[in-house]
Amino acid sequence: MGRVWDSPSGNLLVSTIVRLGLRDPAPSTLAFVTALAVLDTIKNIAPELAVQIKWPNDILSADGAKLCGVLLERSDNAVVVGIGLNLAWHPKGLDRPVTDLTTLGGLPPHPHAVTEILAENFAIWLERWRIGGMQGIAMNWQKVAHPIGTAVSVHLPTGEVADGLFAGLDEDGALRLRLADGEIRAIHAADIFLI
C-alpha cells in the first residue's frame, strides 16, 4: 500500500523466511502465528503491560494504540515475514494511535536480545501451526484478540468501508464481519479499526 516503515535506533525491525512444506496450512495463516509469537515476546519482556491482537496480526496496547505491525510476502514456496516492534520510539502524525513499550512504562532490552526471544517464540508457534493446523492457532489467537462482538470499521483495498461487528474467524483466518442487516461477510484483506 505504499507505506513507509521508519527504522529509528532502539526499535526492532526484522524479517524471517518460512519455507512452506506440502502439508503446511494456508500460508496466509502465518499472520496469526506471527501475532502470537510477538505477543508472547512482549509478555516475556514487559509482563506488566496489557496488550491484545487486532485482526489479523497488529499488536495493540490496552488503549488501542499500535505497538507492532507485521507484513507477509510470498515468493514461490517461501513466505517472508517482516515484523516491526516499537520498543523505544513510535512515529507521529499517523492516521491511527501508535505507541512503544518505553512510552507505556516498559523497560525493553536491547533489540538483539528481543530478536532472540522472538525467534524462540516464533519457532514454537510455527511448529504448533505445522503439527496442529490453523484450528489450534485460531483458538489461541481468539483468547488474546479483540472479543467477538467488537465493533470494527473495515477499510478495503478498493476504498470501500464497511462497519459491523467482529464475528470470529473462518477456517482460513478471514475476519467474519456481521453487518447491520445480519449478513456475515468474509474479509480476507483490509485495514481494520476498532470503533
C-alpha atoms as a PDB file:
ATOM      1  CA  MET A   1       0.000   0.000   0.000  1.00  0.00           C
ATOM      2  CA  GLY A   2       2.998   2.284  -0.379  1.00  0.00           C
ATOM      3  CA  ARG A   3       3.543   2.776   3.344  1.00  0.00           C
ATOM      4  CA  VAL A   4       6.925   3.640   4.825  1.00  0.00           C
ATOM      5  CA  TRP A   5       8.465   1.970   7.866  1.00  0.00           C
ATOM      6  CA  ASP A   6      10.780   4.204   9.875  1.00  0.00           C
ATOM      7  CA  SER A   7      13.731   2.456  11.473  1.00  0.00           C
ATOM      8  CA  PRO A   8      14.970   4.551  14.400  1.00  0.00           C
ATOM      9  CA  SER A   9      17.609   3.269  16.779  1.00  0.00           C
ATOM     10  CA  GLY A  10      16.190   1.162  19.587  1.00  0.00           C
ATOM     11  CA  ASN A  11      13.253  -0.365  17.723  1.00  0.00           C
ATOM     12  CA  LEU A  12      13.117  -3.844  16.248  1.00  0.00           C
ATOM     13  CA  LEU A  13      12.632  -4.417  12.524  1.00  0.00           C
ATOM     14  CA  VAL A  14      13.340  -7.994  11.494  1.00  0.00           C
ATOM     15  CA  SER A  15      12.430 -10.439   8.755  1.00  0.00           C
ATOM     16  CA  THR A  16      12.499 -14.190   8.596  1.00  0.00           C
ATOM     17  CA  ILE A  17      11.731 -16.697   5.868  1.00  0.00           C
ATOM     18  CA  VAL A  18       9.343 -19.615   6.264  1.00  0.00           C
ATOM     19  CA  ARG A  19       9.867 -22.352   3.683  1.00  0.00           C
ATOM     20  CA  LEU A  20       6.480 -23.925   3.042  1.00  0.00           C
ATOM     21  CA  GLY A  21       6.031 -27.679   3.262  1.00  0.00           C
ATOM     22  CA  LEU A  22       3.500 -29.740   1.332  1.00  0.00           C
ATOM     23  CA  ARG A  23       1.342 -30.352   4.416  1.00  0.00           C
ATOM     24  CA  ASP A  24       1.529 -26.844   5.856  1.00  0.00           C
ATOM     25  CA  PRO A  25      -1.696 -24.893   6.444  1.00  0.00           C
ATOM     26  CA  ALA A  26      -2.561 -21.957   4.165  1.00  0.00           C
ATOM     27  CA  PRO A  27       0.417 -19.545   4.028  1.00  0.00           C
ATOM     28  CA  SER A  28      -1.828 -16.566   4.844  1.00  0.00           C
ATOM     29  CA  THR A  29      -2.433 -18.063   8.291  1.00  0.00           C
ATOM     30  CA  LEU A  30       1.203 -17.360   9.175  1.00  0.00           C
ATOM     31  CA  ALA A  31      -0.116 -13.896  10.097  1.00  0.00           C
ATOM     32  CA  PHE A  32      -1.741 -15.465  13.171  1.00  0.00           C
ATOM     33  CA  VAL A  33       1.386 -17.470  14.027  1.00  0.00           C
ATOM     34  CA  THR A  34       3.437 -14.285  13.914  1.00  0.00           C
ATOM     35  CA  ALA A  35       0.971 -12.305  16.031  1.00  0.00           C
ATOM     36  CA  LEU A  36       1.027 -14.966  18.747  1.00  0.00           C
ATOM     37  CA  ALA A  37       4.829 -15.106  18.701  1.00  0.00           C
ATOM     38  CA  VAL A  38       5.115 -11.311  19.007  1.00  0.00           C
ATOM     39  CA  LEU A  39       2.508 -11.182  21.774  1.00  0.00           C
ATOM     40  CA  ASP A  40       4.398 -13.845  23.756  1.00  0.00           C
ATOM     41  CA  THR A  41       7.622 -11.892  23.225  1.00  0.00           C
ATOM     42  CA  ILE A  42       6.060  -8.724  24.630  1.00  0.00           C
ATOM     43  CA  LYS A  43       4.776 -10.714  27.619  1.00  0.00           C
ATOM     44  CA  ASN A  44       8.322 -12.050  28.124  1.00  0.00           C
ATOM     45  CA  ILE A  45       9.987  -8.631  28.089  1.00  0.00           C
ATOM     46  CA  ALA A  46       7.202  -6.464  29.602  1.00  0.00           C
ATOM     47  CA  PRO A  47       4.860  -8.777  31.531  1.00  0.00           C
ATOM     48  CA  GLU A  48       3.203  -5.883  33.350  1.00  0.00           C
ATOM     49  CA  LEU A  49       1.756  -4.405  30.138  1.00  0.00           C
ATOM     50  CA  ALA A  50      -1.711  -5.298  28.868  1.00  0.00           C
ATOM     51  CA  VAL A  51      -1.691  -5.980  25.119  1.00  0.00           C
ATOM     52  CA  GLN A  52      -4.056  -7.548  22.616  1.00  0.00           C
ATOM     53  CA  ILE A  53      -4.091  -8.630  18.978  1.00  0.00           C
ATOM     54  CA  LYS A  54      -6.171  -6.855  16.326  1.00  0.00           C
ATOM     55  CA  TRP A  55      -7.035  -8.899  13.246  1.00  0.00           C
ATOM     56  CA  PRO A  56      -5.015 -10.372  11.831  1.00  0.00           C
ATOM     57  CA  ASN A  57      -1.642  -9.518  13.371  1.00  0.00           C
ATOM     58  CA  ASP A  58      -1.386  -5.991  14.791  1.00  0.00           C
ATOM     59  CA  ILE A  59      -0.416  -5.812  18.446  1.00  0.00           C
ATOM     60  CA  LEU A  60      -2.201  -3.057  20.391  1.00  0.00           C
ATOM     61  CA  SER A  61      -1.828  -1.567  23.848  1.00  0.00           C
ATOM     62  CA  ALA A  62      -4.771  -1.729  26.273  1.00  0.00           C
ATOM     63  CA  ASP A  63      -6.000   1.637  24.965  1.00  0.00           C
ATOM     64  CA  GLY A  64      -5.819   0.541  21.310  1.00  0.00           C
ATOM     65  CA  ALA A  65      -2.519   2.114  20.215  1.00  0.00           C
ATOM     66  CA  LYS A  66      -0.464   0.071  17.758  1.00  0.00           C
ATOM     67  CA  LEU A  67       2.802  -1.389  19.072  1.00  0.00           C
ATOM     68  CA  CYS A  68       3.705  -3.770  16.292  1.00  0.00           C
ATOM     69  CA  GLY A  69       2.894  -4.428  12.668  1.00  0.00           C
ATOM     70  CA  VAL A  70       3.561  -7.467  10.513  1.00  0.00           C
ATOM     71  CA  LEU A  71       3.855  -7.840   6.747  1.00  0.00           C
ATOM     72  CA  LEU A  72       3.934 -11.147   4.889  1.00  0.00           C
ATOM     73  CA  GLU A  73       5.043 -11.566   1.300  1.00  0.00           C
ATOM     74  CA  ARG A  74       5.064 -14.846  -0.580  1.00  0.00           C
ATOM     75  CA  SER A  75       7.533 -15.837  -3.265  1.00  0.00           C
ATOM     76  CA  ASP A  76       7.076 -19.360  -4.675  1.00  0.00           C
ATOM     77  CA  ASN A  77       7.120 -21.660  -1.634  1.00  0.00           C
ATOM     78  CA  ALA A  78       8.634 -19.186   0.781  1.00  0.00           C
ATOM     79  CA  VAL A  79       6.991 -16.518   2.882  1.00  0.00           C
ATOM     80  CA  VAL A  80       8.981 -13.529   4.102  1.00  0.00           C
ATOM     81  CA  VAL A  81       7.630 -12.408   7.469  1.00  0.00           C
ATOM     82  CA  GLY A  82       8.510  -8.808   8.367  1.00  0.00           C
ATOM     83  CA  ILE A  83       7.987  -7.592  11.932  1.00  0.00           C
ATOM     84  CA  GLY A  84       8.231  -4.024  13.212  1.00  0.00           C
ATOM     85  CA  LEU A  85       8.024  -3.737  17.012  1.00  0.00           C
ATOM     86  CA  ASN A  86       8.149  -0.301  18.645  1.00  0.00           C
ATOM     87  CA  LEU A  87      10.431  -0.812  21.604  1.00  0.00           C
ATOM     88  CA  ALA A  88      11.792   2.688  22.268  1.00  0.00           C
ATOM     89  CA  TRP A  89      10.136   5.049  19.780  1.00  0.00           C
ATOM     90  CA  HIS A  90       6.962   5.415  17.717  1.00  0.00           C
ATOM     91  CA  PRO A  91       6.096   7.519  14.672  1.00  0.00           C
ATOM     92  CA  LYS A  92       3.979  10.655  14.992  1.00  0.00           C
ATOM     93  CA  GLY A  93       1.194  12.005  12.813  1.00  0.00           C
ATOM     94  CA  LEU A  94      -0.286   8.725  11.598  1.00  0.00           C
ATOM     95  CA  ASP A  95      -3.966   8.057  10.896  1.00  0.00           C
ATOM     96  CA  ARG A  96      -4.161   5.798  13.972  1.00  0.00           C
ATOM     97  CA  PRO A  97      -2.857   5.863  17.528  1.00  0.00           C
ATOM     98  CA  VAL A  98       0.598   4.313  17.945  1.00  0.00           C
ATOM     99  CA  THR A  99       2.886   3.786  20.904  1.00  0.00           C
ATOM    100  CA  ASP A 100       6.008   1.967  22.055  1.00  0.00           C
ATOM    101  CA  LEU A 101       6.918  -0.195  25.030  1.00  0.00           C
ATOM    102  CA  THR A 102       9.054   2.510  26.670  1.00  0.00           C
ATOM    103  CA  THR A 103       6.233   5.079  26.498  1.00  0.00           C
ATOM    104  CA  LEU A 104       3.934   2.505  28.122  1.00  0.00           C
ATOM    105  CA  GLY A 105       6.349   2.170  31.039  1.00  0.00           C
ATOM    106  CA  GLY A 106       8.181  -0.950  29.932  1.00  0.00           C
ATOM    107  CA  LEU A 107      11.948  -1.340  30.033  1.00  0.00           C
ATOM    108  CA  PRO A 108      12.627  -3.399  26.908  1.00  0.00           C
ATOM    109  CA  PRO A 109      16.045  -4.976  26.470  1.00  0.00           C
ATOM    110  CA  HIS A 110      18.323  -4.267  23.502  1.00  0.00           C
ATOM    111  CA  PRO A 111      16.728  -5.184  20.133  1.00  0.00           C
ATOM    112  CA  HIS A 112      19.250  -8.032  19.668  1.00  0.00           C
ATOM    113  CA  ALA A 113      18.038  -9.677  22.880  1.00  0.00           C
ATOM    114  CA  VAL A 114      14.417  -9.180  21.807  1.00  0.00           C
ATOM    115  CA  THR A 115      15.229 -10.817  18.457  1.00  0.00           C
ATOM    116  CA  GLU A 116      16.457 -13.952  20.233  1.00  0.00           C
ATOM    117  CA  ILE A 117      13.296 -14.162  22.361  1.00  0.00           C
ATOM    118  CA  LEU A 118      11.112 -13.546  19.310  1.00  0.00           C
ATOM    119  CA  ALA A 119      12.929 -16.222  17.298  1.00  0.00           C
ATOM    120  CA  GLU A 120      12.282 -18.799  20.040  1.00  0.00           C
ATOM    121  CA  ASN A 121       8.600 -17.862  20.304  1.00  0.00           C
ATOM    122  CA  PHE A 122       8.180 -17.876  16.529  1.00  0.00           C
ATOM    123  CA  ALA A 123       9.718 -21.361  16.285  1.00  0.00           C
ATOM    124  CA  ILE A 124       7.297 -22.657  18.953  1.00  0.00           C
ATOM    125  CA  TRP A 125       4.196 -21.238  17.254  1.00  0.00           C
ATOM    126  CA  LEU A 126       5.419 -22.298  13.787  1.00  0.00           C
ATOM    127  CA  GLU A 127       5.738 -25.897  14.965  1.00  0.00           C
ATOM    128  CA  ARG A 128       2.258 -25.788  16.539  1.00  0.00           C
ATOM    129  CA  TRP A 129       0.914 -24.452  13.220  1.00  0.00           C
ATOM    130  CA  ARG A 130       2.609 -27.239  11.269  1.00  0.00           C
ATOM    131  CA  ILE A 131       1.503 -30.005  13.626  1.00  0.00           C
ATOM    132  CA  GLY A 132      -1.963 -28.843  14.658  1.00  0.00           C
ATOM    133  CA  GLY A 133      -3.068 -26.662  11.774  1.00  0.00           C
ATOM    134  CA  MET A 134      -4.997 -23.422  11.891  1.00  0.00           C
ATOM    135  CA  GLN A 135      -7.681 -24.627  14.308  1.00  0.00           C
ATOM    136  CA  GLY A 136      -5.428 -24.589  17.376  1.00  0.00           C
ATOM    137  CA  ILE A 137      -3.777 -21.368  16.282  1.00  0.00           C
ATOM    138  CA  ALA A 138      -7.179 -19.687  15.852  1.00  0.00           C
ATOM    139  CA  MET A 139      -8.304 -20.836  19.295  1.00  0.00           C
ATOM    140  CA  ASN A 140      -5.200 -19.381  20.939  1.00  0.00           C
ATOM    141  CA  TRP A 141      -5.401 -16.216  18.845  1.00  0.00           C
ATOM    142  CA  GLN A 142      -9.020 -15.597  19.867  1.00  0.00           C
ATOM    143  CA  LYS A 143      -8.104 -15.776  23.573  1.00  0.00           C
ATOM    144  CA  VAL A 144      -5.818 -12.731  23.233  1.00  0.00           C
ATOM    145  CA  ALA A 145      -7.547 -10.778  20.449  1.00  0.00           C
ATOM    146  CA  HIS A 146     -10.402  -8.322  20.433  1.00  0.00           C
ATOM    147  CA  PRO A 147     -13.506 -10.258  21.532  1.00  0.00           C
ATOM    148  CA  ILE A 148     -16.361 -11.417  19.338  1.00  0.00           C
ATOM    149  CA  GLY A 149     -18.904  -8.615  19.147  1.00  0.00           C
ATOM    150  CA  THR A 150     -16.264  -5.859  18.954  1.00  0.00           C
ATOM    151  CA  ALA A 151     -17.360  -3.032  16.652  1.00  0.00           C
ATOM    152  CA  VAL A 152     -14.947  -2.671  13.736  1.00  0.00           C
ATOM    153  CA  SER A 153     -14.582  -0.490  10.676  1.00  0.00           C
ATOM    154  CA  VAL A 154     -13.181  -2.354   7.678  1.00  0.00           C
ATOM    155  CA  HIS A 155     -11.321  -0.308   5.047  1.00  0.00           C
ATOM    156  CA  LEU A 156     -10.944  -2.495   1.972  1.00  0.00           C
ATOM    157  CA  PRO A 157      -8.176  -2.087  -0.637  1.00  0.00           C
ATOM    158  CA  THR A 158     -10.873  -0.971  -3.124  1.00  0.00           C
ATOM    159  CA  GLY A 159     -11.656   2.078  -0.958  1.00  0.00           C
ATOM    160  CA  GLU A 160     -14.919   0.630   0.314  1.00  0.00           C
ATOM    161  CA  VAL A 161     -15.603   0.996   4.048  1.00  0.00           C
ATOM    162  CA  ALA A 162     -17.848  -1.464   5.901  1.00  0.00           C
ATOM    163  CA  ASP A 163     -18.742  -1.216   9.580  1.00  0.00           C
ATOM    164  CA  GLY A 164     -20.001  -4.107  11.634  1.00  0.00           C
ATOM    165  CA  LEU A 165     -19.253  -6.481  14.470  1.00  0.00           C
ATOM    166  CA  PHE A 166     -16.395  -8.951  14.646  1.00  0.00           C
ATOM    167  CA  ALA A 167     -17.999 -12.401  14.377  1.00  0.00           C
ATOM    168  CA  GLY A 168     -14.897 -14.576  14.692  1.00  0.00           C
ATOM    169  CA  LEU A 169     -12.631 -16.212  12.142  1.00  0.00           C
ATOM    170  CA  ASP A 170     -13.448 -18.632   9.354  1.00  0.00           C
ATOM    171  CA  GLU A 171     -11.349 -21.740   8.742  1.00  0.00           C
ATOM    172  CA  ASP A 172      -8.702 -19.890   6.698  1.00  0.00           C
ATOM    173  CA  GLY A 173      -8.432 -16.953   9.116  1.00  0.00           C
ATOM    174  CA  ALA A 174     -10.663 -14.489   7.282  1.00  0.00           C
ATOM    175  CA  LEU A 175     -12.416 -11.994   9.539  1.00  0.00           C
ATOM    176  CA  ARG A 176     -16.135 -12.664   9.761  1.00  0.00           C
ATOM    177  CA  LEU A 177     -17.904  -9.286   9.742  1.00  0.00           C
ATOM    178  CA  ARG A 178     -21.545  -9.151  10.876  1.00  0.00           C
ATOM    179  CA  LEU A 179     -23.199  -6.290   9.010  1.00  0.00           C
ATOM    180  CA  ALA A 180     -26.182  -4.289  10.314  1.00  0.00           C
ATOM    181  CA  ASP A 181     -28.627  -6.470   8.343  1.00  0.00           C
ATOM    182  CA  GLY A 182     -27.216  -9.635   9.952  1.00  0.00           C
ATOM    183  CA  GLU A 183     -25.295 -10.767   6.873  1.00  0.00           C
ATOM    184  CA  ILE A 184     -21.841 -12.246   7.554  1.00  0.00           C
ATOM    185  CA  ARG A 185     -19.130 -11.091   5.175  1.00  0.00           C
ATOM    186  CA  ALA A 186     -15.684 -12.721   4.978  1.00  0.00           C
ATOM    187  CA  ILE A 187     -12.838 -10.184   4.926  1.00  0.00           C
ATOM    188  CA  HIS A 188      -9.511 -11.507   3.624  1.00  0.00           C
ATOM    189  CA  ALA A 189      -7.503  -8.261   3.347  1.00  0.00           C
ATOM    190  CA  ALA A 190      -8.269  -4.841   4.803  1.00  0.00           C
ATOM    191  CA  ASP A 191      -7.273  -2.205   7.322  1.00  0.00           C
ATOM    192  CA  ILE A 192      -9.286  -2.812  10.467  1.00  0.00           C
ATOM    193  CA  PHE A 193     -10.076  -0.107  13.005  1.00  0.00           C
ATOM    194  CA  LEU A 194     -11.681  -0.876  16.362  1.00  0.00           C
ATOM    195  CA  ILE A 195     -14.597   1.517  16.961  1.00  0.00           C
END
